[in-house]
Amino acid sequence: MFSKSCEYGIRASIYVAKNSLKNRKVSLIDVAKHTDSPPAFMAKILQKLTRTEIISSFKGPTGGFSIALEDLEKISLLNIVLAMDGDGIFEDCTLGLRKCDVEKPCPLHFKFRQIRDEMRETLESTSLRSLAEQVSDGITFLKR
């Protein structure tokens, strides 16, 4: 459903958020290790998340990645998906047609429109804080 970059971006954001709840910054190596991702790939993902202001980056001996506590509730899963993959998952044709809309729909257009609308609503209503708290509480996990 999501690109590999987006999947890792979501996991990285949750890991950084989980540590931010404990007022801790995390390093690139920590994020890569705890999300089971290659460090070079994770560096690009964290760079994108930093550029789109999902995550903050701090340099120096006490540096690392974190998210301001007041932002944890504001940032939704939708923000991360849009930052990583754009809105193609909601707008592009399911069958890959260049032009697919209400006037000239593909055979799946109306069935997938409802699914996409529900998915957007779910992503928009899921805060990064709630996901981080579930991981912190051991209810959900970032790797197996």
N, C-alpha and C. Protein backbone atom coordinates (compact mmCIF):
# COMPACT_ATOMS: atom_id res chain seq x y z
N MET A 1 0.83 -1.19 0.00
CA MET A 1 0.00 0.00 0.00
C MET A 1 0.88 1.26 0.00
N PHE A 2 1.83 1.34 0.92
CA PHE A 2 2.76 2.47 0.98
C PHE A 2 4.09 2.04 0.37
N SER A 3 4.87 3.01 -0.06
CA SER A 3 6.21 2.70 -0.55
C SER A 3 7.07 2.24 0.63
N LYS A 4 8.19 1.59 0.32
CA LYS A 4 9.11 1.15 1.35
C LYS A 4 9.61 2.35 2.16
N SER A 5 9.89 3.46 1.47
CA SER A 5 10.34 4.68 2.15
C SER A 5 9.29 5.17 3.14
N CYS A 6 8.05 5.12 2.73
CA CYS A 6 6.96 5.57 3.60
C CYS A 6 6.82 4.65 4.82
N GLU A 7 6.90 3.36 4.59
CA GLU A 7 6.82 2.41 5.71
C GLU A 7 7.92 2.69 6.73
N TYR A 8 9.15 2.85 6.25
CA TYR A 8 10.26 3.15 7.15
C TYR A 8 10.08 4.54 7.78
N GLY A 9 9.54 5.49 7.02
CA GLY A 9 9.30 6.82 7.56
C GLY A 9 8.30 6.81 8.70
N ILE A 10 7.27 6.01 8.56
CA ILE A 10 6.28 5.87 9.63
C ILE A 10 6.92 5.24 10.86
N ARG A 11 7.65 4.15 10.65
CA ARG A 11 8.30 3.48 11.78
C ARG A 11 9.32 4.39 12.46
N ALA A 12 10.09 5.11 11.66
CA ALA A 12 11.08 6.04 12.23
C ALA A 12 10.40 7.13 13.04
N SER A 13 9.33 7.69 12.50
CA SER A 13 8.60 8.75 13.20
C SER A 13 8.04 8.26 14.53
N ILE A 14 7.51 7.06 14.53
CA ILE A 14 6.98 6.49 15.78
C ILE A 14 8.10 6.29 16.79
N TYR A 15 9.25 5.76 16.33
CA TYR A 15 10.37 5.53 17.24
C TYR A 15 10.88 6.85 17.82
N VAL A 16 11.05 7.85 16.97
CA VAL A 16 11.51 9.16 17.45
C VAL A 16 10.48 9.74 18.42
N ALA A 17 9.20 9.63 18.09
CA ALA A 17 8.14 10.15 18.96
C ALA A 17 8.13 9.44 20.30
N LYS A 18 8.29 8.14 20.29
CA LYS A 18 8.32 7.35 21.53
C LYS A 18 9.43 7.87 22.45
N ASN A 19 10.58 8.13 21.90
CA ASN A 19 11.70 8.64 22.70
C ASN A 19 11.50 10.10 23.08
N SER A 20 10.85 10.85 22.23
CA SER A 20 10.56 12.25 22.55
C SER A 20 9.62 12.37 23.75
N LEU A 21 8.71 11.39 23.88
CA LEU A 21 7.83 11.37 25.05
C LEU A 21 8.63 11.25 26.34
N LYS A 22 9.81 10.64 26.25
CA LYS A 22 10.70 10.48 27.41
C LYS A 22 11.77 11.55 27.43
N ASN A 23 11.58 12.59 26.59
CA ASN A 23 12.51 13.71 26.50
C ASN A 23 13.92 13.28 26.10
N ARG A 24 14.00 12.30 25.17
CA ARG A 24 15.28 11.80 24.68
C ARG A 24 15.41 12.03 23.18
N LYS A 25 16.60 12.41 22.75
CA LYS A 25 16.92 12.47 21.33
C LYS A 25 17.53 11.14 20.94
N VAL A 26 17.36 10.76 19.69
CA VAL A 26 17.91 9.50 19.21
C VAL A 26 18.81 9.75 18.00
N SER A 27 19.78 8.89 17.83
CA SER A 27 20.72 9.02 16.71
C SER A 27 20.19 8.26 15.50
N LEU A 28 20.79 8.55 14.36
CA LEU A 28 20.48 7.83 13.12
C LEU A 28 20.66 6.33 13.33
N ILE A 29 21.74 5.94 13.96
CA ILE A 29 22.03 4.51 14.18
C ILE A 29 20.95 3.88 15.06
N ASP A 30 20.53 4.59 16.10
CA ASP A 30 19.45 4.09 16.97
C ASP A 30 18.17 3.86 16.17
N VAL A 31 17.80 4.85 15.36
CA VAL A 31 16.57 4.74 14.58
C VAL A 31 16.66 3.57 13.61
N ALA A 32 17.79 3.46 12.90
CA ALA A 32 17.97 2.37 11.94
C ALA A 32 17.89 1.01 12.64
N LYS A 33 18.54 0.90 13.77
CA LYS A 33 18.56 -0.37 14.52
C LYS A 33 17.16 -0.76 15.01
N HIS A 34 16.44 0.19 15.54
CA HIS A 34 15.13 -0.10 16.14
C HIS A 34 13.99 -0.18 15.13
N THR A 35 14.28 0.11 13.87
CA THR A 35 13.26 -0.01 12.83
C THR A 35 13.67 -1.04 11.78
N ASP A 36 14.78 -1.72 12.04
CA ASP A 36 15.28 -2.75 11.11
C ASP A 36 15.50 -2.20 9.70
N SER A 37 16.16 -1.08 9.61
CA SER A 37 16.41 -0.49 8.29
C SER A 37 17.89 -0.20 8.10
N PRO A 38 18.36 -0.23 6.86
CA PRO A 38 19.77 0.11 6.59
C PRO A 38 20.04 1.58 6.95
N PRO A 39 21.14 1.88 7.64
CA PRO A 39 21.42 3.26 8.06
C PRO A 39 21.46 4.27 6.91
N ALA A 40 22.04 3.91 5.77
CA ALA A 40 22.12 4.85 4.64
C ALA A 40 20.72 5.20 4.13
N PHE A 41 19.86 4.21 4.07
CA PHE A 41 18.48 4.43 3.63
C PHE A 41 17.74 5.26 4.67
N MET A 42 17.95 4.95 5.94
CA MET A 42 17.28 5.69 7.01
C MET A 42 17.75 7.14 7.04
N ALA A 43 19.01 7.40 6.70
CA ALA A 43 19.51 8.78 6.68
C ALA A 43 18.70 9.62 5.69
N LYS A 44 18.41 9.06 4.53
CA LYS A 44 17.62 9.78 3.52
C LYS A 44 16.19 10.01 4.00
N ILE A 45 15.64 9.02 4.68
CA ILE A 45 14.27 9.14 5.19
C ILE A 45 14.20 10.21 6.27
N LEU A 46 15.15 10.18 7.20
CA LEU A 46 15.16 11.18 8.27
C LEU A 46 15.39 12.59 7.70
N GLN A 47 16.19 12.67 6.66
CA GLN A 47 16.42 13.96 6.01
C GLN A 47 15.10 14.51 5.44
N LYS A 48 14.35 13.64 4.80
CA LYS A 48 13.06 14.05 4.23
C LYS A 48 12.07 14.44 5.33
N LEU A 49 12.03 13.68 6.40
CA LEU A 49 11.13 13.98 7.52
C LEU A 49 11.54 15.28 8.22
N THR A 50 12.81 15.57 8.23
CA THR A 50 13.30 16.82 8.81
C THR A 50 12.96 18.00 7.91
N ARG A 51 13.16 17.83 6.61
CA ARG A 51 12.83 18.89 5.65
C ARG A 51 11.34 19.25 5.68
N THR A 52 10.50 18.26 5.91
CA THR A 52 9.05 18.50 5.94
C THR A 52 8.54 18.81 7.35
N GLU A 53 9.48 18.99 8.28
CA GLU A 53 9.20 19.41 9.66
C GLU A 53 8.36 18.44 10.46
N ILE A 54 8.46 17.17 10.12
CA ILE A 54 7.83 16.13 10.96
C ILE A 54 8.75 15.88 12.16
N ILE A 55 10.04 15.81 11.88
CA ILE A 55 11.06 15.53 12.89
C ILE A 55 12.03 16.71 12.93
N SER A 56 12.60 16.97 14.11
CA SER A 56 13.64 18.00 14.25
C SER A 56 14.99 17.32 14.40
N SER A 57 16.00 17.95 13.83
CA SER A 57 17.36 17.42 13.88
C SER A 57 18.25 18.41 14.62
N PHE A 58 19.08 17.89 15.52
CA PHE A 58 19.98 18.73 16.30
C PHE A 58 21.41 18.21 16.13
N LYS A 59 22.33 19.13 15.87
CA LYS A 59 23.73 18.76 15.68
C LYS A 59 24.49 18.87 16.98
N GLY A 60 25.67 18.28 17.00
CA GLY A 60 26.56 18.40 18.14
C GLY A 60 26.53 17.18 19.04
N PRO A 61 27.33 17.23 20.11
CA PRO A 61 27.47 16.08 21.01
C PRO A 61 26.17 15.66 21.69
N THR A 62 25.26 16.59 21.89
CA THR A 62 23.97 16.24 22.50
C THR A 62 22.86 16.25 21.45
N GLY A 63 23.25 16.13 20.20
CA GLY A 63 22.29 16.19 19.10
C GLY A 63 21.54 14.89 18.89
N GLY A 64 20.80 14.86 17.83
CA GLY A 64 20.00 13.70 17.48
C GLY A 64 18.68 14.14 16.88
N PHE A 65 17.73 13.25 16.87
CA PHE A 65 16.41 13.52 16.30
C PHE A 65 15.37 13.49 17.40
N SER A 66 14.41 14.41 17.31
CA SER A 66 13.31 14.44 18.27
C SER A 66 12.13 15.16 17.66
N ILE A 67 11.03 15.14 18.39
CA ILE A 67 9.82 15.85 17.99
C ILE A 67 9.32 16.58 19.23
N ALA A 68 9.01 17.85 19.07
CA ALA A 68 8.51 18.64 20.20
C ALA A 68 7.23 18.01 20.73
N LEU A 69 7.12 17.96 22.04
CA LEU A 69 5.96 17.32 22.67
C LEU A 69 4.64 17.93 22.20
N GLU A 70 4.61 19.24 22.03
CA GLU A 70 3.36 19.88 21.60
C GLU A 70 3.00 19.52 20.16
N ASP A 71 3.97 19.04 19.37
CA ASP A 71 3.70 18.65 17.98
C ASP A 71 3.22 17.20 17.86
N LEU A 72 3.46 16.40 18.86
CA LEU A 72 3.12 14.97 18.76
C LEU A 72 1.63 14.74 18.53
N GLU A 73 0.80 15.56 19.11
CA GLU A 73 -0.64 15.41 18.92
C GLU A 73 -1.08 16.00 17.58
N LYS A 74 -0.38 17.04 17.12
CA LYS A 74 -0.74 17.71 15.86
C LYS A 74 -0.35 16.88 14.63
N ILE A 75 0.73 16.14 14.73
CA ILE A 75 1.21 15.37 13.58
C ILE A 75 0.39 14.10 13.46
N SER A 76 -0.22 13.94 12.31
CA SER A 76 -1.01 12.73 12.07
C SER A 76 -0.25 11.79 11.15
N LEU A 77 -0.72 10.58 11.08
CA LEU A 77 -0.15 9.60 10.17
C LEU A 77 -0.26 10.11 8.73
N LEU A 78 -1.32 10.84 8.44
CA LEU A 78 -1.49 11.41 7.11
C LEU A 78 -0.35 12.37 6.78
N ASN A 79 0.09 13.19 7.74
CA ASN A 79 1.20 14.11 7.51
C ASN A 79 2.45 13.36 7.07
N ILE A 80 2.71 12.22 7.70
CA ILE A 80 3.90 11.43 7.38
C ILE A 80 3.76 10.81 5.99
N VAL A 81 2.61 10.25 5.70
CA VAL A 81 2.38 9.62 4.39
C VAL A 81 2.52 10.67 3.28
N LEU A 82 1.94 11.84 3.46
CA LEU A 82 2.05 12.89 2.45
C LEU A 82 3.49 13.37 2.29
N ALA A 83 4.22 13.46 3.41
CA ALA A 83 5.62 13.88 3.35
C ALA A 83 6.47 12.87 2.59
N MET A 84 6.19 11.59 2.77
CA MET A 84 7.02 10.55 2.17
C MET A 84 6.57 10.18 0.76
N ASP A 85 5.28 10.04 0.54
CA ASP A 85 4.77 9.53 -0.75
C ASP A 85 3.95 10.53 -1.55
N GLY A 86 3.61 11.66 -0.97
CA GLY A 86 2.72 12.59 -1.66
C GLY A 86 1.29 12.08 -1.60
N ASP A 87 0.42 12.67 -2.40
CA ASP A 87 -0.99 12.30 -2.33
C ASP A 87 -1.41 11.31 -3.41
N GLY A 88 -0.46 10.71 -4.10
CA GLY A 88 -0.75 9.76 -5.17
C GLY A 88 -1.62 8.60 -4.74
N ILE A 89 -1.45 8.14 -3.52
CA ILE A 89 -2.23 7.01 -3.03
C ILE A 89 -3.72 7.35 -2.99
N PHE A 90 -4.03 8.64 -2.90
CA PHE A 90 -5.42 9.08 -2.85
C PHE A 90 -5.93 9.58 -4.20
N GLU A 91 -5.03 9.95 -5.08
CA GLU A 91 -5.43 10.60 -6.32
C GLU A 91 -5.18 9.78 -7.58
N ASP A 92 -4.11 8.99 -7.62
CA ASP A 92 -3.77 8.25 -8.83
C ASP A 92 -4.76 7.11 -9.09
N CYS A 93 -4.92 6.78 -10.34
CA CYS A 93 -5.83 5.70 -10.74
C CYS A 93 -5.30 4.36 -10.22
N THR A 94 -6.18 3.56 -9.69
CA THR A 94 -5.82 2.23 -9.18
C THR A 94 -5.27 1.34 -10.28
N LEU A 95 -5.75 1.51 -11.50
CA LEU A 95 -5.28 0.71 -12.63
C LEU A 95 -4.14 1.38 -13.40
N GLY A 96 -3.72 2.54 -12.93
CA GLY A 96 -2.59 3.21 -13.56
C GLY A 96 -2.93 4.01 -14.81
N LEU A 97 -4.22 4.27 -15.04
CA LEU A 97 -4.60 5.07 -16.20
C LEU A 97 -4.20 6.53 -15.98
N ARG A 98 -3.80 7.20 -17.07
CA ARG A 98 -3.37 8.59 -16.95
C ARG A 98 -4.53 9.50 -16.56
N LYS A 99 -5.70 9.23 -17.08
CA LYS A 99 -6.88 10.06 -16.79
C LYS A 99 -7.99 9.16 -16.27
N CYS A 100 -8.34 9.35 -15.03
CA CYS A 100 -9.41 8.57 -14.42
C CYS A 100 -10.11 9.49 -13.43
N ASP A 101 -11.37 9.80 -13.70
CA ASP A 101 -12.12 10.67 -12.82
C ASP A 101 -13.60 10.31 -12.90
N VAL A 102 -14.43 11.11 -12.26
CA VAL A 102 -15.86 10.85 -12.21
C VAL A 102 -16.48 10.82 -13.62
N GLU A 103 -15.98 11.66 -14.50
CA GLU A 103 -16.53 11.72 -15.86
C GLU A 103 -16.09 10.54 -16.73
N LYS A 104 -14.86 10.07 -16.53
CA LYS A 104 -14.34 8.92 -17.29
C LYS A 104 -13.65 7.98 -16.31
N PRO A 105 -14.45 7.25 -15.51
CA PRO A 105 -13.86 6.39 -14.48
C PRO A 105 -13.36 5.06 -15.03
N CYS A 106 -12.33 4.52 -14.37
CA CYS A 106 -11.89 3.17 -14.68
C CYS A 106 -12.88 2.20 -14.00
N PRO A 107 -12.81 0.91 -14.27
CA PRO A 107 -13.76 -0.03 -13.67
C PRO A 107 -13.72 -0.09 -12.13
N LEU A 108 -12.61 0.34 -11.52
CA LEU A 108 -12.50 0.28 -10.06
C LEU A 108 -12.66 1.64 -9.38
N HIS A 109 -12.83 2.68 -10.17
CA HIS A 109 -12.81 4.05 -9.65
C HIS A 109 -13.73 4.24 -8.43
N PHE A 110 -14.98 3.91 -8.55
CA PHE A 110 -15.93 4.20 -7.47
C PHE A 110 -15.75 3.29 -6.26
N LYS A 111 -15.37 2.04 -6.49
CA LYS A 111 -15.11 1.13 -5.36
C LYS A 111 -13.91 1.62 -4.54
N PHE A 112 -12.84 2.02 -5.23
CA PHE A 112 -11.65 2.45 -4.53
C PHE A 112 -11.76 3.86 -3.98
N ARG A 113 -12.61 4.69 -4.52
CA ARG A 113 -12.80 6.05 -4.00
C ARG A 113 -13.26 5.98 -2.55
N GLN A 114 -14.20 5.08 -2.26
CA GLN A 114 -14.70 4.93 -0.89
C GLN A 114 -13.59 4.43 0.03
N ILE A 115 -12.83 3.45 -0.42
CA ILE A 115 -11.74 2.90 0.38
C ILE A 115 -10.69 3.99 0.65
N ARG A 116 -10.36 4.75 -0.37
CA ARG A 116 -9.37 5.83 -0.23
C ARG A 116 -9.86 6.89 0.74
N ASP A 117 -11.13 7.25 0.67
CA ASP A 117 -11.69 8.25 1.58
C ASP A 117 -11.62 7.77 3.03
N GLU A 118 -11.95 6.51 3.24
CA GLU A 118 -11.89 5.93 4.59
C GLU A 118 -10.45 5.87 5.08
N MET A 119 -9.53 5.51 4.18
CA MET A 119 -8.13 5.44 4.57
C MET A 119 -7.60 6.83 4.93
N ARG A 120 -7.93 7.83 4.14
CA ARG A 120 -7.50 9.20 4.44
C ARG A 120 -8.02 9.64 5.80
N GLU A 121 -9.28 9.34 6.08
CA GLU A 121 -9.88 9.71 7.36
C GLU A 121 -9.16 9.01 8.52
N THR A 122 -8.85 7.73 8.35
CA THR A 122 -8.14 6.99 9.39
C THR A 122 -6.75 7.56 9.62
N LEU A 123 -6.02 7.82 8.55
CA LEU A 123 -4.68 8.38 8.68
C LEU A 123 -4.70 9.76 9.32
N GLU A 124 -5.69 10.55 8.94
CA GLU A 124 -5.81 11.91 9.46
C GLU A 124 -6.19 11.93 10.94
N SER A 125 -6.93 10.95 11.38
CA SER A 125 -7.40 10.94 12.77
C SER A 125 -6.47 10.16 13.71
N THR A 126 -5.38 9.64 13.17
CA THR A 126 -4.43 8.89 13.99
C THR A 126 -3.21 9.77 14.27
N SER A 127 -3.05 10.17 15.53
CA SER A 127 -1.93 11.05 15.89
C SER A 127 -0.66 10.24 16.11
N LEU A 128 0.45 10.89 15.86
CA LEU A 128 1.75 10.26 16.10
C LEU A 128 1.90 9.95 17.58
N ARG A 129 1.37 10.80 18.42
CA ARG A 129 1.45 10.57 19.87
C ARG A 129 0.76 9.26 20.26
N SER A 130 -0.42 9.01 19.72
CA SER A 130 -1.16 7.79 20.08
C SER A 130 -0.37 6.55 19.64
N LEU A 131 0.25 6.61 18.48
CA LEU A 131 1.05 5.46 18.02
C LEU A 131 2.27 5.26 18.90
N ALA A 132 2.93 6.35 19.25
CA ALA A 132 4.13 6.27 20.11
C ALA A 132 3.77 5.72 21.49
N GLU A 133 2.63 6.13 22.02
CA GLU A 133 2.21 5.64 23.34
C GLU A 133 1.90 4.15 23.30
N GLN A 134 1.31 3.68 22.20
CA GLN A 134 1.02 2.24 22.07
C GLN A 134 2.30 1.42 22.05
N VAL A 135 3.32 1.93 21.36
CA VAL A 135 4.61 1.23 21.31
C VAL A 135 5.27 1.29 22.69
N SER A 136 5.24 2.46 23.32
CA SER A 136 5.83 2.60 24.66
C SER A 136 5.17 1.68 25.67
N ASP A 137 3.87 1.50 25.55
CA ASP A 137 3.13 0.67 26.49
C ASP A 137 3.22 -0.82 26.16
N GLY A 138 3.88 -1.18 25.07
CA GLY A 138 4.02 -2.58 24.69
C GLY A 138 2.78 -3.16 24.04
N ILE A 139 1.85 -2.31 23.62
CA ILE A 139 0.63 -2.78 22.97
C ILE A 139 0.91 -3.13 21.50
N THR A 140 1.79 -2.31 20.89
CA THR A 140 2.17 -2.54 19.49
C THR A 140 3.70 -2.54 19.40
N PHE A 141 4.23 -2.96 18.25
CA PHE A 141 5.67 -3.13 18.08
C PHE A 141 6.14 -2.57 16.75
N LEU A 142 7.42 -2.14 16.70
CA LEU A 142 7.99 -1.61 15.47
C LEU A 142 8.80 -2.62 14.68
N LYS A 143 9.18 -3.70 15.31
CA LYS A 143 9.88 -4.76 14.59
C LYS A 143 9.60 -6.09 15.23
N ARG A 144 9.80 -7.13 14.46
CA ARG A 144 9.55 -8.50 14.94
C ARG A 144 10.80 -9.26 15.08
